[in-house]
Amino acid sequence: MAKLEKERWHHAKSKKRHQELMVQMKEDTVEQGHDIEHWKRCFSQVASLVNAAMENVLRLLADAESVMPVFNPHREIEAFLSHCQKLVGEMKNVMVRA
C-alpha cells in the first residue's frame, strides 16, 4: 500500500509541475507576442526613417549631379557621388531583404 501511495504522490506532484509549466509556457508565449509586436513597430519606424533619408539623399544627389560640370568634373566629387549612389542601392537591398 505504501508503494501505491508513494506512486500516487509522485504522479500528483508530476501532474502539478506539468500544469505549472504549461501556465508558464502560456505566459511566456503571450510575453513573446508582445515583444514581437514591439520590435515590428520599431523596425517599421526605422524603415520609415531610412526610406525618407534615402529619398532625400537621392534628391540631393540628383541636384548635385545636375550642377556638376559634364566635362572634367572633380574626381573627388564624382567619387563621392558614386559612393552615395552605391550606398543608397545597398540600403535599398537591405530593406527589401529585411
PDB file of N, CA and C in Angstrom:
ATOM      1  N   MET A   1       0.807  -1.193   0.000  1.00  0.00           N
ATOM      2  CA  MET A   1       0.000   0.000   0.000  1.00  0.00           C
ATOM      3  C   MET A   1       0.857   1.268   0.000  1.00  0.00           C
ATOM      4  N   ALA A   2       1.912   1.254   0.788  1.00  0.00           N
ATOM      5  CA  ALA A   2       2.775   2.426   0.881  1.00  0.00           C
ATOM      6  C   ALA A   2       3.390   2.750  -0.476  1.00  0.00           C
ATOM      7  N   LYS A   3       3.735   1.715  -1.236  1.00  0.00           N
ATOM      8  CA  LYS A   3       4.323   1.918  -2.560  1.00  0.00           C
ATOM      9  C   LYS A   3       3.308   2.579  -3.484  1.00  0.00           C
ATOM     10  N   LEU A   4       2.049   2.145  -3.429  1.00  0.00           N
ATOM     11  CA  LEU A   4       0.997   2.712  -4.257  1.00  0.00           C
ATOM     12  C   LEU A   4       0.753   4.179  -3.885  1.00  0.00           C
ATOM     13  N   GLU A   5       0.743   4.462  -2.599  1.00  0.00           N
ATOM     14  CA  GLU A   5       0.567   5.841  -2.137  1.00  0.00           C
ATOM     15  C   GLU A   5       1.734   6.724  -2.607  1.00  0.00           C
ATOM     16  N   LYS A   6       2.923   6.190  -2.542  1.00  0.00           N
ATOM     17  CA  LYS A   6       4.112   6.932  -2.971  1.00  0.00           C
ATOM     18  C   LYS A   6       4.032   7.228  -4.471  1.00  0.00           C
ATOM     19  N   GLU A   7       3.593   6.251  -5.248  1.00  0.00           N
ATOM     20  CA  GLU A   7       3.454   6.443  -6.693  1.00  0.00           C
ATOM     21  C   GLU A   7       2.383   7.481  -6.994  1.00  0.00           C
ATOM     22  N   ARG A   8       1.265   7.431  -6.259  1.00  0.00           N
ATOM     23  CA  ARG A   8       0.200   8.425  -6.450  1.00  0.00           C
ATOM     24  C   ARG A   8       0.723   9.829  -6.108  1.00  0.00           C
ATOM     25  N   TRP A   9       1.482   9.920  -5.028  1.00  0.00           N
ATOM     26  CA  TRP A   9       2.036  11.201  -4.622  1.00  0.00           C
ATOM     27  C   TRP A   9       2.978  11.752  -5.699  1.00  0.00           C
ATOM     28  N   HIS A  10       3.844  10.877  -6.232  1.00  0.00           N
ATOM     29  CA  HIS A  10       4.755  11.288  -7.309  1.00  0.00           C
ATOM     30  C   HIS A  10       3.974  11.687  -8.552  1.00  0.00           C
ATOM     31  N   HIS A  11       2.928  10.929  -8.859  1.00  0.00           N
ATOM     32  CA  HIS A  11       2.106  11.240 -10.031  1.00  0.00           C
ATOM     33  C   HIS A  11       1.432  12.608  -9.841  1.00  0.00           C
ATOM     34  N   ALA A  12       0.854  12.838  -8.658  1.00  0.00           N
ATOM     35  CA  ALA A  12       0.191  14.119  -8.378  1.00  0.00           C
ATOM     36  C   ALA A  12       1.198  15.264  -8.445  1.00  0.00           C
ATOM     37  N   LYS A  13       2.375  15.030  -7.895  1.00  0.00           N
ATOM     38  CA  LYS A  13       3.425  16.057  -7.915  1.00  0.00           C
ATOM     39  C   LYS A  13       3.851  16.354  -9.358  1.00  0.00           C
ATOM     40  N   SER A  14       4.020  15.315 -10.164  1.00  0.00           N
ATOM     41  CA  SER A  14       4.404  15.491 -11.565  1.00  0.00           C
ATOM     42  C   SER A  14       3.313  16.209 -12.340  1.00  0.00           C
ATOM     43  N   LYS A  15       2.064  15.863 -12.061  1.00  0.00           N
ATOM     44  CA  LYS A  15       0.945  16.499 -12.749  1.00  0.00           C
ATOM     45  C   LYS A  15       0.883  17.985 -12.401  1.00  0.00           C
ATOM     46  N   LYS A  16       1.083  18.302 -11.114  1.00  0.00           N
ATOM     47  CA  LYS A  16       1.078  19.698 -10.690  1.00  0.00           C
ATOM     48  C   LYS A  16       2.209  20.467 -11.367  1.00  0.00           C
ATOM     49  N   ARG A  17       3.387  19.874 -11.412  1.00  0.00           N
ATOM     50  CA  ARG A  17       4.545  20.521 -12.052  1.00  0.00           C
ATOM     51  C   ARG A  17       4.271  20.726 -13.536  1.00  0.00           C
ATOM     52  N   HIS A  18       3.648  19.754 -14.167  1.00  0.00           N
ATOM     53  CA  HIS A  18       3.309  19.859 -15.587  1.00  0.00           C
ATOM     54  C   HIS A  18       2.337  21.023 -15.806  1.00  0.00           C
ATOM     55  N   GLN A  19       1.332  21.139 -14.957  1.00  0.00           N
ATOM     56  CA  GLN A  19       0.373  22.234 -15.077  1.00  0.00           C
ATOM     57  C   GLN A  19       1.059  23.585 -14.867  1.00  0.00           C
ATOM     58  N   GLU A  20       1.969  23.651 -13.901  1.00  0.00           N
ATOM     59  CA  GLU A  20       2.714  24.891 -13.673  1.00  0.00           C
ATOM     60  C   GLU A  20       3.538  25.269 -14.896  1.00  0.00           C
ATOM     61  N   LEU A  21       4.160  24.260 -15.498  1.00  0.00           N
ATOM     62  CA  LEU A  21       4.967  24.518 -16.700  1.00  0.00           C
ATOM     63  C   LEU A  21       4.091  24.983 -17.857  1.00  0.00           C
ATOM     64  N   MET A  22       2.921  24.410 -17.993  1.00  0.00           N
ATOM     65  CA  MET A  22       2.005  24.812 -19.072  1.00  0.00           C
ATOM     66  C   MET A  22       1.562  26.259 -18.873  1.00  0.00           C
ATOM     67  N   VAL A  23       1.254  26.636 -17.637  1.00  0.00           N
ATOM     68  CA  VAL A  23       0.866  28.020 -17.352  1.00  0.00           C
ATOM     69  C   VAL A  23       2.029  28.951 -17.680  1.00  0.00           C
ATOM     70  N   GLN A  24       3.228  28.571 -17.267  1.00  0.00           N
ATOM     71  CA  GLN A  24       4.413  29.394 -17.538  1.00  0.00           C
ATOM     72  C   GLN A  24       4.645  29.525 -19.046  1.00  0.00           C
ATOM     73  N   MET A  25       4.465  28.442 -19.783  1.00  0.00           N
ATOM     74  CA  MET A  25       4.641  28.493 -21.236  1.00  0.00           C
ATOM     75  C   MET A  25       3.630  29.435 -21.867  1.00  0.00           C
ATOM     76  N   LYS A  26       2.385  29.401 -21.416  1.00  0.00           N
ATOM     77  CA  LYS A  26       1.369  30.304 -21.961  1.00  0.00           C
ATOM     78  C   LYS A  26       1.735  31.754 -21.664  1.00  0.00           C
ATOM     79  N   GLU A  27       2.186  32.022 -20.443  1.00  0.00           N
ATOM     80  CA  GLU A  27       2.601  33.384 -20.085  1.00  0.00           C
ATOM     81  C   GLU A  27       3.783  33.834 -20.923  1.00  0.00           C
ATOM     82  N   ASP A  28       4.746  32.939 -21.120  1.00  0.00           N
ATOM     83  CA  ASP A  28       5.913  33.261 -21.940  1.00  0.00           C
ATOM     84  C   ASP A  28       5.509  33.531 -23.385  1.00  0.00           C
ATOM     85  N   THR A  29       4.573  32.748 -23.890  1.00  0.00           N
ATOM     86  CA  THR A  29       4.110  32.918 -25.268  1.00  0.00           C
ATOM     87  C   THR A  29       3.448  34.283 -25.441  1.00  0.00           C
ATOM     88  N   VAL A  30       2.622  34.674 -24.470  1.00  0.00           N
ATOM     89  CA  VAL A  30       1.980  35.992 -24.531  1.00  0.00           C
ATOM     90  C   VAL A  30       3.041  37.088 -24.490  1.00  0.00           C
ATOM     91  N   GLU A  31       4.005  36.941 -23.596  1.00  0.00           N
ATOM     92  CA  GLU A  31       5.077  37.933 -23.485  1.00  0.00           C
ATOM     93  C   GLU A  31       5.889  38.014 -24.775  1.00  0.00           C
ATOM     94  N   GLN A  32       6.175  36.873 -25.372  1.00  0.00           N
ATOM     95  CA  GLN A  32       6.917  36.866 -26.635  1.00  0.00           C
ATOM     96  C   GLN A  32       6.120  37.558 -27.731  1.00  0.00           C
ATOM     97  N   GLY A  33       4.806  37.353 -27.721  1.00  0.00           N
ATOM     98  CA  GLY A  33       3.951  38.031 -28.697  1.00  0.00           C
ATOM     99  C   GLY A  33       4.036  39.542 -28.553  1.00  0.00           C
ATOM    100  N   HIS A  34       4.043  40.021 -27.306  1.00  0.00           N
ATOM    101  CA  HIS A  34       4.187  41.458 -27.069  1.00  0.00           C
ATOM    102  C   HIS A  34       5.552  41.949 -27.548  1.00  0.00           C
ATOM    103  N   ASP A  35       6.582  41.171 -27.272  1.00  0.00           N
ATOM    104  CA  ASP A  35       7.935  41.546 -27.723  1.00  0.00           C
ATOM    105  C   ASP A  35       8.008  41.609 -29.242  1.00  0.00           C
ATOM    106  N   ILE A  36       7.405  40.639 -29.901  1.00  0.00           N
ATOM    107  CA  ILE A  36       7.416  40.609 -31.372  1.00  0.00           C
ATOM    108  C   ILE A  36       6.728  41.846 -31.928  1.00  0.00           C
ATOM    109  N   GLU A  37       5.576  42.185 -31.377  1.00  0.00           N
ATOM    110  CA  GLU A  37       4.859  43.376 -31.836  1.00  0.00           C
ATOM    111  C   GLU A  37       5.676  44.642 -31.597  1.00  0.00           C
ATOM    112  N   HIS A  38       6.331  44.718 -30.441  1.00  0.00           N
ATOM    113  CA  HIS A  38       7.179  45.876 -30.145  1.00  0.00           C
ATOM    114  C   HIS A  38       8.280  46.021 -31.190  1.00  0.00           C
ATOM    115  N   TRP A  39       8.987  44.931 -31.493  1.00  0.00           N
ATOM    116  CA  TRP A  39      10.102  45.005 -32.442  1.00  0.00           C
ATOM    117  C   TRP A  39       9.613  45.247 -33.858  1.00  0.00           C
ATOM    118  N   LYS A  40       8.422  44.743 -34.194  1.00  0.00           N
ATOM    119  CA  LYS A  40       7.855  45.044 -35.514  1.00  0.00           C
ATOM    120  C   LYS A  40       7.602  46.543 -35.646  1.00  0.00           C
ATOM    121  N   ARG A  41       7.021  47.147 -34.595  1.00  0.00           N
ATOM    122  CA  ARG A  41       6.772  48.596 -34.628  1.00  0.00           C
ATOM    123  C   ARG A  41       8.095  49.366 -34.739  1.00  0.00           C
ATOM    124  N   CYS A  42       9.088  48.943 -33.966  1.00  0.00           N
ATOM    125  CA  CYS A  42      10.398  49.609 -34.020  1.00  0.00           C
ATOM    126  C   CYS A  42      11.010  49.496 -35.405  1.00  0.00           C
ATOM    127  N   PHE A  43      10.951  48.302 -35.990  1.00  0.00           N
ATOM    128  CA  PHE A  43      11.512  48.104 -37.322  1.00  0.00           C
ATOM    129  C   PHE A  43      10.777  48.972 -38.336  1.00  0.00           C
ATOM    130  N   SER A  44       9.462  49.038 -38.227  1.00  0.00           N
ATOM    131  CA  SER A  44       8.688  49.861 -39.160  1.00  0.00           C
ATOM    132  C   SER A  44       9.081  51.329 -39.055  1.00  0.00           C
ATOM    133  N   GLN A  45       9.308  51.795 -37.839  1.00  0.00           N
ATOM    134  CA  GLN A  45       9.727  53.185 -37.654  1.00  0.00           C
ATOM    135  C   GLN A  45      11.103  53.421 -38.264  1.00  0.00           C
ATOM    136  N   VAL A  46      12.021  52.498 -38.035  1.00  0.00           N
ATOM    137  CA  VAL A  46      13.370  52.632 -38.608  1.00  0.00           C
ATOM    138  C   VAL A  46      13.295  52.576 -40.129  1.00  0.00           C
ATOM    139  N   ALA A  47      12.492  51.654 -40.652  1.00  0.00           N
ATOM    140  CA  ALA A  47      12.359  51.536 -42.106  1.00  0.00           C
ATOM    141  C   ALA A  47      11.800  52.825 -42.698  1.00  0.00           C
ATOM    142  N   SER A  48      10.844  53.419 -42.016  1.00  0.00           N
ATOM    143  CA  SER A  48      10.270  54.677 -42.488  1.00  0.00           C
ATOM    144  C   SER A  48      11.319  55.788 -42.503  1.00  0.00           C
ATOM    145  N   LEU A  49      12.109  55.867 -41.441  1.00  0.00           N
ATOM    146  CA  LEU A  49      13.177  56.879 -41.395  1.00  0.00           C
ATOM    147  C   LEU A  49      14.208  56.658 -42.499  1.00  0.00           C
ATOM    148  N   VAL A  50      14.589  55.403 -42.702  1.00  0.00           N
ATOM    149  CA  VAL A  50      15.582  55.089 -43.736  1.00  0.00           C
ATOM    150  C   VAL A  50      15.038  55.434 -45.117  1.00  0.00           C
ATOM    151  N   ASN A  51      13.776  55.100 -45.361  1.00  0.00           N
ATOM    152  CA  ASN A  51      13.180  55.412 -46.663  1.00  0.00           C
ATOM    153  C   ASN A  51      13.153  56.921 -46.901  1.00  0.00           C
ATOM    154  N   ALA A  52      12.787  57.672 -45.872  1.00  0.00           N
ATOM    155  CA  ALA A  52      12.765  59.137 -46.009  1.00  0.00           C
ATOM    156  C   ALA A  52      14.180  59.670 -46.255  1.00  0.00           C
ATOM    157  N   ALA A  53      15.146  59.138 -45.528  1.00  0.00           N
ATOM    158  CA  ALA A  53      16.538  59.575 -45.719  1.00  0.00           C
ATOM    159  C   ALA A  53      17.016  59.246 -47.131  1.00  0.00           C
ATOM    160  N   MET A  54      16.667  58.051 -47.611  1.00  0.00           N
ATOM    161  CA  MET A  54      17.100  57.675 -48.960  1.00  0.00           C
ATOM    162  C   MET A  54      16.468  58.580 -50.005  1.00  0.00           C
ATOM    163  N   GLU A  55      15.208  58.940 -49.817  1.00  0.00           N
ATOM    164  CA  GLU A  55      14.563  59.851 -50.768  1.00  0.00           C
ATOM    165  C   GLU A  55      15.285  61.202 -50.780  1.00  0.00           C
ATOM    166  N   ASN A  56      15.630  61.694 -49.599  1.00  0.00           N
ATOM    167  CA  ASN A  56      16.355  62.966 -49.523  1.00  0.00           C
ATOM    168  C   ASN A  56      17.727  62.866 -50.172  1.00  0.00           C
ATOM    169  N   VAL A  57      18.436  61.777 -49.890  1.00  0.00           N
ATOM    170  CA  VAL A  57      19.771  61.595 -50.472  1.00  0.00           C
ATOM    171  C   VAL A  57      19.669  61.501 -51.991  1.00  0.00           C
ATOM    172  N   LEU A  58      18.687  60.752 -52.489  1.00  0.00           N
ATOM    173  CA  LEU A  58      18.523  60.633 -53.944  1.00  0.00           C
ATOM    174  C   LEU A  58      18.222  61.996 -54.577  1.00  0.00           C
ATOM    175  N   ARG A  59      17.372  62.794 -53.931  1.00  0.00           N
ATOM    176  CA  ARG A  59      17.050  64.124 -54.440  1.00  0.00           C
ATOM    177  C   ARG A  59      18.294  65.017 -54.434  1.00  0.00           C
ATOM    178  N   LEU A  60      19.030  64.970 -53.325  1.00  0.00           N
ATOM    179  CA  LEU A  60      20.248  65.783 -53.232  1.00  0.00           C
ATOM    180  C   LEU A  60      21.305  65.331 -54.244  1.00  0.00           C
ATOM    181  N   LEU A  61      21.396  64.012 -54.459  1.00  0.00           N
ATOM    182  CA  LEU A  61      22.338  63.513 -55.466  1.00  0.00           C
ATOM    183  C   LEU A  61      21.960  64.010 -56.858  1.00  0.00           C
ATOM    184  N   ALA A  62      20.679  63.939 -57.166  1.00  0.00           N
ATOM    185  CA  ALA A  62      20.235  64.412 -58.480  1.00  0.00           C
ATOM    186  C   ALA A  62      20.533  65.892 -58.644  1.00  0.00           C
ATOM    187  N   ASP A  63      20.282  66.679 -57.579  1.00  0.00           N
ATOM    188  CA  ASP A  63      20.592  68.112 -57.637  1.00  0.00           C
ATOM    189  C   ASP A  63      22.085  68.346 -57.841  1.00  0.00           C
ATOM    190  N   ALA A  64      22.909  67.609 -57.104  1.00  0.00           N
ATOM    191  CA  ALA A  64      24.362  67.769 -57.202  1.00  0.00           C
ATOM    192  C   ALA A  64      24.859  67.360 -58.584  1.00  0.00           C
ATOM    193  N   GLU A  65      24.325  66.276 -59.110  1.00  0.00           N
ATOM    194  CA  GLU A  65      24.766  65.830 -60.444  1.00  0.00           C
ATOM    195  C   GLU A  65      24.342  66.818 -61.519  1.00  0.00           C
ATOM    196  N   SER A  66      23.200  67.469 -61.312  1.00  0.00           N
ATOM    197  CA  SER A  66      22.721  68.396 -62.345  1.00  0.00           C
ATOM    198  C   SER A  66      23.589  69.646 -62.452  1.00  0.00           C
ATOM    199  N   VAL A  67      24.279  70.021 -61.386  1.00  0.00           N
ATOM    200  CA  VAL A  67      25.136  71.216 -61.440  1.00  0.00           C
ATOM    201  C   VAL A  67      26.611  70.865 -61.614  1.00  0.00           C
ATOM    202  N   MET A  68      26.921  69.589 -61.623  1.00  0.00           N
ATOM    203  CA  MET A  68      28.308  69.167 -61.794  1.00  0.00           C
ATOM    204  C   MET A  68      28.700  69.338 -63.268  1.00  0.00           C
ATOM    205  N   PRO A  69      29.883  69.850 -63.498  1.00  0.00           N
ATOM    206  CA  PRO A  69      30.297  70.018 -64.898  1.00  0.00           C
ATOM    207  C   PRO A  69      30.336  68.667 -65.632  1.00  0.00           C
ATOM    208  N   VAL A  70      29.821  68.684 -66.848  1.00  0.00           N
ATOM    209  CA  VAL A  70      29.775  67.456 -67.641  1.00  0.00           C
ATOM    210  C   VAL A  70      31.185  67.038 -68.044  1.00  0.00           C
ATOM    211  N   PHE A  71      31.987  67.995 -68.414  1.00  0.00           N
ATOM    212  CA  PHE A  71      33.358  67.696 -68.822  1.00  0.00           C
ATOM    213  C   PHE A  71      34.314  68.021 -67.676  1.00  0.00           C
ATOM    214  N   ASN A  72      35.220  67.129 -67.433  1.00  0.00           N
ATOM    215  CA  ASN A  72      36.242  67.288 -66.395  1.00  0.00           C
ATOM    216  C   ASN A  72      35.684  67.611 -64.997  1.00  0.00           C
ATOM    217  N   PRO A  73      34.769  66.778 -64.508  1.00  0.00           N
ATOM    218  CA  PRO A  73      34.297  67.025 -63.135  1.00  0.00           C
ATOM    219  C   PRO A  73      35.413  66.676 -62.154  1.00  0.00           C
ATOM    220  N   HIS A  74      35.371  67.265 -60.987  1.00  0.00           N
ATOM    221  CA  HIS A  74      36.367  66.951 -59.974  1.00  0.00           C
ATOM    222  C   HIS A  74      36.239  65.471 -59.623  1.00  0.00           C
ATOM    223  N   ARG A  75      37.389  64.792 -59.634  1.00  0.00           N
ATOM    224  CA  ARG A  75      37.376  63.340 -59.347  1.00  0.00           C
ATOM    225  C   ARG A  75      36.813  63.037 -57.966  1.00  0.00           C
ATOM    226  N   GLU A  76      37.162  63.852 -57.005  1.00  0.00           N
ATOM    227  CA  GLU A  76      36.705  63.609 -55.634  1.00  0.00           C
ATOM    228  C   GLU A  76      35.179  63.730 -55.525  1.00  0.00           C
ATOM    229  N   ILE A  77      34.641  64.737 -56.183  1.00  0.00           N
ATOM    230  CA  ILE A  77      33.187  64.925 -56.147  1.00  0.00           C
ATOM    231  C   ILE A  77      32.499  63.781 -56.880  1.00  0.00           C
ATOM    232  N   GLU A  78      33.030  63.423 -58.013  1.00  0.00           N
ATOM    233  CA  GLU A  78      32.470  62.314 -58.786  1.00  0.00           C
ATOM    234  C   GLU A  78      32.538  61.014 -57.975  1.00  0.00           C
ATOM    235  N   ALA A  79      33.651  60.785 -57.286  1.00  0.00           N
ATOM    236  CA  ALA A  79      33.802  59.576 -56.460  1.00  0.00           C
ATOM    237  C   ALA A  79      32.809  59.593 -55.294  1.00  0.00           C
ATOM    238  N   PHE A  80      32.633  60.760 -54.684  1.00  0.00           N
ATOM    239  CA  PHE A  80      31.693  60.874 -53.569  1.00  0.00           C
ATOM    240  C   PHE A  80      30.262  60.592 -54.027  1.00  0.00           C
ATOM    241  N   LEU A  81      29.865  61.186 -55.133  1.00  0.00           N
ATOM    242  CA  LEU A  81      28.515  60.958 -55.646  1.00  0.00           C
ATOM    243  C   LEU A  81      28.309  59.494 -56.020  1.00  0.00           C
ATOM    244  N   SER A  82      29.312  58.909 -56.613  1.00  0.00           N
ATOM    245  CA  SER A  82      29.237  57.491 -56.971  1.00  0.00           C
ATOM    246  C   SER A  82      29.102  56.629 -55.717  1.00  0.00           C
ATOM    247  N   HIS A  83      29.860  56.969 -54.695  1.00  0.00           N
ATOM    248  CA  HIS A  83      29.803  56.242 -53.428  1.00  0.00           C
ATOM    249  C   HIS A  83      28.409  56.367 -52.798  1.00  0.00           C
ATOM    250  N   CYS A  84      27.845  57.557 -52.816  1.00  0.00           N
ATOM    251  CA  CYS A  84      26.497  57.769 -52.272  1.00  0.00           C
ATOM    252  C   CYS A  84      25.458  56.940 -53.026  1.00  0.00           C
ATOM    253  N   GLN A  85      25.571  56.907 -54.348  1.00  0.00           N
ATOM    254  CA  GLN A  85      24.634  56.109 -55.140  1.00  0.00           C
ATOM    255  C   GLN A  85      24.749  54.629 -54.788  1.00  0.00           C
ATOM    256  N   LYS A  86      25.966  54.164 -54.608  1.00  0.00           N
ATOM    257  CA  LYS A  86      26.185  52.767 -54.241  1.00  0.00           C
ATOM    258  C   LYS A  86      25.579  52.469 -52.870  1.00  0.00           C
ATOM    259  N   LEU A  87      25.794  53.367 -51.903  1.00  0.00           N
ATOM    260  CA  LEU A  87      25.236  53.177 -50.560  1.00  0.00           C
ATOM    261  C   LEU A  87      23.713  53.135 -50.584  1.00  0.00           C
ATOM    262  N   VAL A  88      23.108  54.005 -51.351  1.00  0.00           N
ATOM    263  CA  VAL A  88      21.643  54.022 -51.455  1.00  0.00           C
ATOM    264  C   VAL A  88      21.158  52.692 -52.033  1.00  0.00           C
ATOM    265  N   GLY A  89      21.839  52.209 -53.048  1.00  0.00           N
ATOM    266  CA  GLY A  89      21.474  50.914 -53.627  1.00  0.00           C
ATOM    267  C   GLY A  89      21.587  49.785 -52.623  1.00  0.00           C
ATOM    268  N   GLU A  90      22.670  49.789 -51.843  1.00  0.00           N
ATOM    269  CA  GLU A  90      22.850  48.758 -50.822  1.00  0.00           C
ATOM    270  C   GLU A  90      21.784  48.857 -49.735  1.00  0.00           C
ATOM    271  N   MET A  91      21.445  50.098 -49.348  1.00  0.00           N
ATOM    272  CA  MET A  91      20.394  50.284 -48.338  1.00  0.00           C
ATOM    273  C   MET A  91      19.055  49.760 -48.836  1.00  0.00           C
ATOM    274  N   LYS A  92      18.755  50.018 -50.086  1.00  0.00           N
ATOM    275  CA  LYS A  92      17.505  49.515 -50.660  1.00  0.00           C
ATOM    276  C   LYS A  92      17.470  47.982 -50.623  1.00  0.00           C
ATOM    277  N   ASN A  93      18.589  47.363 -50.982  1.00  0.00           N
ATOM    278  CA  ASN A  93      18.651  45.901 -50.959  1.00  0.00           C
ATOM    279  C   ASN A  93      18.454  45.342 -49.549  1.00  0.00           C
ATOM    280  N   VAL A  94      19.074  45.986 -48.571  1.00  0.00           N
ATOM    281  CA  VAL A  94      18.920  45.545 -47.178  1.00  0.00           C
ATOM    282  C   VAL A  94      17.469  45.665 -46.743  1.00  0.00           C
ATOM    283  N   MET A  95      16.836  46.774 -47.068  1.00  0.00           N
ATOM    284  CA  MET A  95      15.445  46.992 -46.678  1.00  0.00           C
ATOM    285  C   MET A  95      14.519  45.979 -47.356  1.00  0.00           C
ATOM    286  N   VAL A  96      14.777  45.680 -48.603  1.00  0.00           N
ATOM    287  CA  VAL A  96      13.943  44.692 -49.305  1.00  0.00           C
ATOM    288  C   VAL A  96      14.092  43.321 -48.663  1.00  0.00           C
ATOM    289  N   ARG A  97      15.321  42.931 -48.320  1.00  0.00           N
ATOM    290  CA  ARG A  97      15.548  41.616 -47.683  1.00  0.00           C
ATOM    291  C   ARG A  97      14.941  41.560 -46.291  1.00  0.00           C
ATOM    292  N   ALA A  98      15.020  42.685 -45.561  1.00  0.00           N
ATOM    293  CA  ALA A  98      14.509  42.717 -44.179  1.00  0.00           C
ATOM    294  C   ALA A  98      12.996  42.684 -44.201  1.00  0.00           C
TER     295      ALA A  98
END
